[in-house]
Protein backbone atom coordinates (compact mmCIF):
# COMPACT_ATOMS: atom_id res chain seq x y z
CA MET A 1 54.20 -100.72 37.19
CA ALA A 2 52.71 -102.42 34.48
CA ALA A 3 54.06 -105.72 34.06
CA ARG A 4 56.93 -106.07 31.39
CA GLN A 5 55.37 -106.44 28.03
CA ARG A 6 56.44 -109.47 25.02
CA PHE A 7 57.34 -107.73 21.67
CA THR A 8 57.39 -109.86 18.42
CA PHE A 9 60.33 -109.52 16.06
CA ILE A 10 58.13 -106.69 13.74
CA GLU A 11 57.22 -104.84 16.46
CA TYR A 12 61.03 -104.00 17.44
CA LEU A 13 61.98 -103.40 14.03
CA ARG A 14 59.44 -100.79 13.34
CA SER A 15 59.98 -99.19 17.01
CA ALA A 16 64.16 -99.35 15.87
CA LEU A 17 63.05 -97.48 12.41
CA SER A 18 60.76 -95.26 14.10
CA ILE A 19 63.65 -94.43 16.77
CA LEU A 20 66.09 -93.92 14.00
CA LEU A 21 64.07 -91.83 11.93
CA PHE A 22 63.46 -89.44 15.37
CA PHE A 23 66.92 -88.78 15.29
CA VAL A 24 67.67 -88.05 11.71
CA LEU A 25 64.58 -85.36 11.38
CA LEU A 26 66.25 -84.25 14.70
CA LEU A 27 69.16 -83.62 12.83
CA ILE A 28 67.98 -82.31 10.29
CA PHE A 29 65.36 -79.77 11.65
CA THR A 30 67.70 -78.86 14.59
CA PRO A 31 69.78 -76.11 12.26
CA VAL A 32 66.56 -74.73 10.20
CA ILE A 33 64.94 -74.37 13.73
CA PHE A 34 68.47 -72.69 14.89
CA VAL A 35 68.71 -70.13 11.55
CA LEU A 36 64.53 -69.66 11.87
CA LEU A 37 65.18 -68.15 15.50
CA ILE A 38 68.67 -66.09 15.01
CA LEU A 39 67.03 -65.01 11.89
CA SER A 40 63.48 -63.71 13.72
CA PHE A 41 65.09 -62.99 16.90
CA GLY A 42 63.23 -65.69 18.33
CA ARG A 43 59.86 -64.82 17.38
CA LEU A 44 59.16 -67.84 15.44
CA THR A 45 59.45 -69.86 18.95
CA ASN A 46 56.06 -70.30 18.82
CA PHE A 47 55.77 -71.81 15.34
CA VAL A 48 58.41 -74.36 16.32
CA ILE A 49 56.17 -75.61 18.91
CA GLU A 50 53.19 -75.98 16.97
CA ARG A 51 54.12 -76.52 13.44
CA ILE A 52 57.88 -78.07 13.44
CA ALA A 53 57.75 -80.31 16.36
CA PRO A 54 54.18 -82.41 15.57
CA ALA A 55 55.69 -82.65 12.15
CA ILE A 56 58.88 -84.40 13.76
CA ALA A 57 56.64 -86.65 16.07
CA ILE A 58 53.61 -87.56 13.87
CA PRO A 59 55.93 -89.33 11.12
CA VAL A 60 57.80 -91.11 13.99
CA LEU A 61 54.85 -92.72 15.48
CA ARG A 62 52.90 -93.65 12.31
CA VAL A 63 56.38 -95.84 11.50
CA ALA A 64 56.25 -97.29 14.86
CA GLY A 65 52.43 -98.12 13.99
CA ILE A 66 50.82 -95.95 15.88
CA ASN A 67 47.53 -93.81 15.14
CA PHE A 68 47.87 -90.75 16.92
CA ARG A 69 44.33 -88.75 17.16
CA ILE A 70 43.31 -85.63 19.41
CA LYS A 71 40.10 -85.61 21.05
CA LYS A 72 38.66 -82.21 22.52
CA TYR A 73 35.97 -81.58 24.79
CA VAL A 74 36.54 -77.93 24.25
CA ASP A 75 37.49 -75.85 21.74
CA PRO A 76 39.55 -73.76 21.02
CA ILE A 77 42.02 -75.03 23.60
CA PRO A 78 42.38 -72.41 26.18
CA ALA A 79 45.71 -70.84 26.30
CA PRO A 80 47.37 -69.43 28.40
CA ALA A 81 47.39 -72.11 30.53
CA VAL A 82 48.97 -74.93 32.70
CA TYR A 83 48.38 -78.06 30.83
CA ILE A 84 49.16 -81.11 32.95
CA VAL A 85 49.41 -85.05 31.71
CA ASN A 86 49.28 -88.50 32.74
CA HIS A 87 52.79 -89.73 32.54
CA SER A 88 53.81 -93.30 32.04
CA SER A 89 55.11 -94.44 29.13
CA THR A 90 58.34 -92.88 26.78
CA LEU A 91 55.88 -92.39 23.93
CA ASP A 92 54.86 -89.61 26.13
CA LEU A 93 57.37 -87.48 25.00
CA LEU A 94 56.17 -88.13 20.71
CA THR A 95 52.50 -87.48 22.14
CA ILE A 96 53.17 -83.89 24.12
CA LEU A 97 54.72 -83.13 20.80
CA ALA A 98 52.11 -84.02 18.20
CA LEU A 99 50.13 -81.74 20.22
CA GLY A 100 51.25 -78.71 18.82
CA LEU A 101 49.75 -76.50 22.22
CA PRO A 102 49.13 -73.06 21.02
CA LYS A 103 52.36 -70.98 22.69
CA ALA A 104 53.09 -73.80 24.86
CA ARG A 105 56.58 -74.40 26.81
CA PHE A 106 57.57 -78.18 28.49
CA VAL A 107 58.98 -78.70 31.49
CA ALA A 108 61.11 -81.93 31.36
CA LYS A 109 63.71 -83.72 33.58
CA TRP A 110 67.09 -82.10 33.84
CA GLN A 111 68.71 -85.33 32.19
CA LEU A 112 67.27 -85.02 28.85
CA GLN A 113 69.58 -82.08 28.74
CA TYR A 114 72.32 -85.18 28.25
CA ASN A 115 71.76 -85.37 25.15
CA PRO A 116 73.51 -82.42 22.88
CA ILE A 117 70.40 -82.06 20.61
CA PHE A 118 67.82 -81.77 23.11
CA PHE A 119 70.05 -79.33 24.93
CA VAL A 120 70.06 -76.90 21.58
CA LEU A 121 66.51 -77.28 21.02
CA GLY A 122 65.62 -77.00 24.68
CA HIS A 123 67.40 -73.98 24.93
CA LEU A 124 67.11 -72.39 22.11
CA THR A 125 62.91 -72.95 22.66
CA GLY A 126 62.81 -71.75 25.87
CA GLN A 127 61.86 -74.95 27.59
CA VAL A 128 61.97 -75.60 31.55
CA PHE A 129 64.68 -78.35 33.31
CA ILE A 130 63.77 -79.26 36.33
CA ARG A 131 65.89 -81.84 38.76
CA ARG A 132 63.01 -84.00 39.49
CA GLU A 133 64.53 -85.66 41.96
CA HIS A 134 64.99 -82.46 43.95
CA SER A 135 61.34 -81.01 44.94
CA ASP A 136 62.13 -77.96 46.48
CA LYS A 137 65.29 -77.06 43.56
CA ALA A 138 62.26 -77.94 41.01
CA VAL A 139 59.71 -75.71 42.67
CA GLU A 140 62.71 -73.11 42.91
CA THR A 141 63.17 -73.74 39.17
CA LEU A 142 59.38 -73.28 38.50
CA LYS A 143 59.03 -70.20 40.46
CA LYS A 144 61.93 -68.82 38.15
CA ASN A 145 60.07 -69.09 35.02
CA VAL A 146 56.79 -67.36 36.00
CA ASP A 147 57.62 -63.90 35.21
CA ARG A 148 58.66 -64.59 31.98
CA ILE A 149 55.80 -67.36 31.19
CA LYS A 150 53.54 -64.45 31.88
CA LYS A 151 55.47 -61.81 30.34
CA ASN A 152 55.13 -63.47 26.87
CA ASN A 153 51.65 -64.71 27.75
CA LEU A 154 52.86 -68.14 27.18
CA SER A 155 51.41 -71.49 28.15
CA ILE A 156 53.36 -73.98 30.39
CA MET A 157 52.78 -78.36 30.17
CA LEU A 158 54.07 -80.43 32.87
CA ALA A 159 53.44 -84.25 34.31
CA PRO A 160 51.94 -83.64 37.45
CA GLU A 161 53.35 -87.53 38.69
CA GLY A 162 56.80 -86.13 37.71
CA SER A 163 58.81 -89.14 36.46
CA ARG A 164 56.93 -91.64 34.57
CA LYS A 165 58.25 -94.58 37.08
CA HIS A 166 55.82 -94.64 39.47
CA ARG A 167 53.50 -97.25 41.25
CA GLY A 168 50.14 -97.55 39.79
CA ILE A 169 47.88 -96.77 36.56
CA ILE A 170 47.94 -92.72 37.76
CA GLY A 171 51.06 -92.00 40.49
CA PRO A 172 50.82 -89.33 42.96
CA PHE A 173 50.65 -85.54 41.82
CA LYS A 174 52.96 -83.14 42.94
CA LYS A 175 51.92 -79.88 44.05
CA GLY A 176 54.40 -77.58 41.61
CA PRO A 177 52.03 -77.42 38.45
CA PHE A 178 49.32 -76.34 41.06
CA ARG A 179 51.43 -73.77 42.55
CA MET A 180 52.87 -72.03 39.01
CA ALA A 181 49.04 -72.08 38.20
CA MET A 182 47.81 -70.33 41.26
CA ASP A 183 51.14 -67.96 40.87
CA LEU A 184 50.10 -67.31 37.18
CA GLY A 185 46.66 -67.09 37.55
CA TYR A 186 45.86 -69.44 34.57
CA PRO A 187 43.25 -72.29 34.52
CA ILE A 188 44.39 -75.85 34.47
CA VAL A 189 43.40 -77.96 31.27
CA PRO A 190 43.88 -81.77 32.09
CA ILE A 191 44.90 -83.61 29.11
CA TYR A 192 44.97 -87.79 29.48
CA PHE A 193 46.72 -89.73 27.06
CA GLU A 194 44.81 -93.38 26.15
CA GLY A 195 46.66 -96.08 25.09
CA ASN A 196 50.39 -94.84 25.40
CA ARG A 197 50.97 -96.95 28.55
CA GLU A 198 49.67 -100.00 27.55
CA LEU A 199 51.89 -99.80 23.99
CA SER A 200 54.97 -99.40 25.64
CA THR A 201 56.09 -99.83 29.10
CA GLU A 202 59.98 -100.21 28.42
CA ASP A 203 62.84 -97.42 29.03
CA PHE A 204 63.36 -97.11 25.10
CA LEU A 205 60.93 -96.35 22.42
CA ILE A 206 59.61 -99.78 22.14
CA THR A 207 56.47 -100.01 21.43
CA LYS A 208 53.22 -102.03 20.11
CA SER A 209 51.01 -101.31 17.07
CA GLY A 210 47.90 -99.52 17.97
CA THR A 211 45.69 -95.99 18.86
CA CYS A 212 47.29 -93.27 21.40
CA THR A 213 44.38 -90.48 22.12
CA ALA A 214 45.00 -87.05 23.44
CA HIS A 215 41.71 -86.25 25.54
CA ILE A 216 41.96 -82.34 25.88
CA HIS A 217 39.38 -81.34 28.82
CA PRO A 218 38.02 -78.50 29.90
CA ALA A 219 39.91 -75.61 31.76
CA ILE A 220 39.72 -76.19 35.66
CA ASP A 221 39.24 -72.51 37.00
CA THR A 222 42.07 -71.82 39.79
CA SER A 223 41.16 -67.94 40.77
CA GLY A 224 39.20 -69.08 43.91
CA TRP A 225 42.21 -71.37 44.87
CA SER A 226 44.21 -70.69 47.87
CA MET A 227 47.17 -73.07 49.55
CA GLU A 228 45.00 -74.27 52.61
CA LYS A 229 43.04 -75.95 50.24
CA LEU A 230 45.52 -76.59 47.67
CA ASP A 231 45.81 -80.35 48.60
CA ILE A 232 42.20 -81.16 48.34
CA HIS A 233 42.38 -79.81 44.51
CA ILE A 234 45.39 -81.66 43.70
CA TYR A 235 43.16 -84.40 45.48
CA ASP A 236 39.69 -84.13 42.79
CA ILE A 237 41.73 -83.28 39.92
CA ARG A 238 43.93 -86.51 40.24
CA ASN A 239 40.77 -88.33 40.97
CA LEU A 240 39.53 -87.63 37.71
CA TYR A 241 42.53 -88.95 36.00
CA LEU A 242 41.88 -92.27 38.22
CA LYS A 243 38.29 -91.75 36.38
CA TRP A 244 39.62 -92.01 32.60
CA ALA A 245 41.91 -94.57 33.90
CA GLY A 246 39.18 -96.71 34.69
CA VAL A 247 40.26 -96.87 38.16
CA GLU A 248 37.22 -96.98 40.88
CA ASN A 249 38.99 -95.77 44.03
CA ASP A 250 41.98 -93.26 45.23
CA GLU A 251 44.28 -96.08 45.91
CA ILE A 252 48.18 -96.54 44.14
CA VAL A 253 47.29 -99.88 42.48
């Protein structure tokens, strides 16, 4: 894990204001989202993910002093797809929401449901909650959602590292996201968050000012993959993240 950072009074103040703003915006938008989804019979779910989620996340990032950028290496962004992201910071929650990816649903840790706002919003918009500490149950939950995702032509976003609390810059990759891509017949689109880890290593949304960049890379075709070679494919993709992070070898450092 990265060393614990020191923050200035101003950084604590801006962070506190950004956390407050985040929950105020959630409180304001939750009933709006509820009404929109009820009146549209759920047809506006994608509008919520693509428009309202960034409208909540981006102002919060700005109050925290963070300049969020998106750098595309492919245009348009491939969809439907399995989007994977590196996960090592509390900032990841905001930068994921700020992306506004088309017709995407998120795989999140089960414990987020303990927050009643996240519980309501998550279930209203069809997000997937898994118990990451139980890998077999997590895979089973993902499999149960495959038919729903494919039937509605949705994309899915996951963090193959699972928890952000891992050793090293890029943690070991779990198989779940890659098996799901094979089950769906979707390509994998790697998204690398640059700057998130350096700006925040705290358990809460305490951050330094700076720039976070989401690098959206070209899709990786999974149509020719097999279970026998899955470990090799995962190894190759993780090495891409190590390269983007500036790590020269495949060790957990």
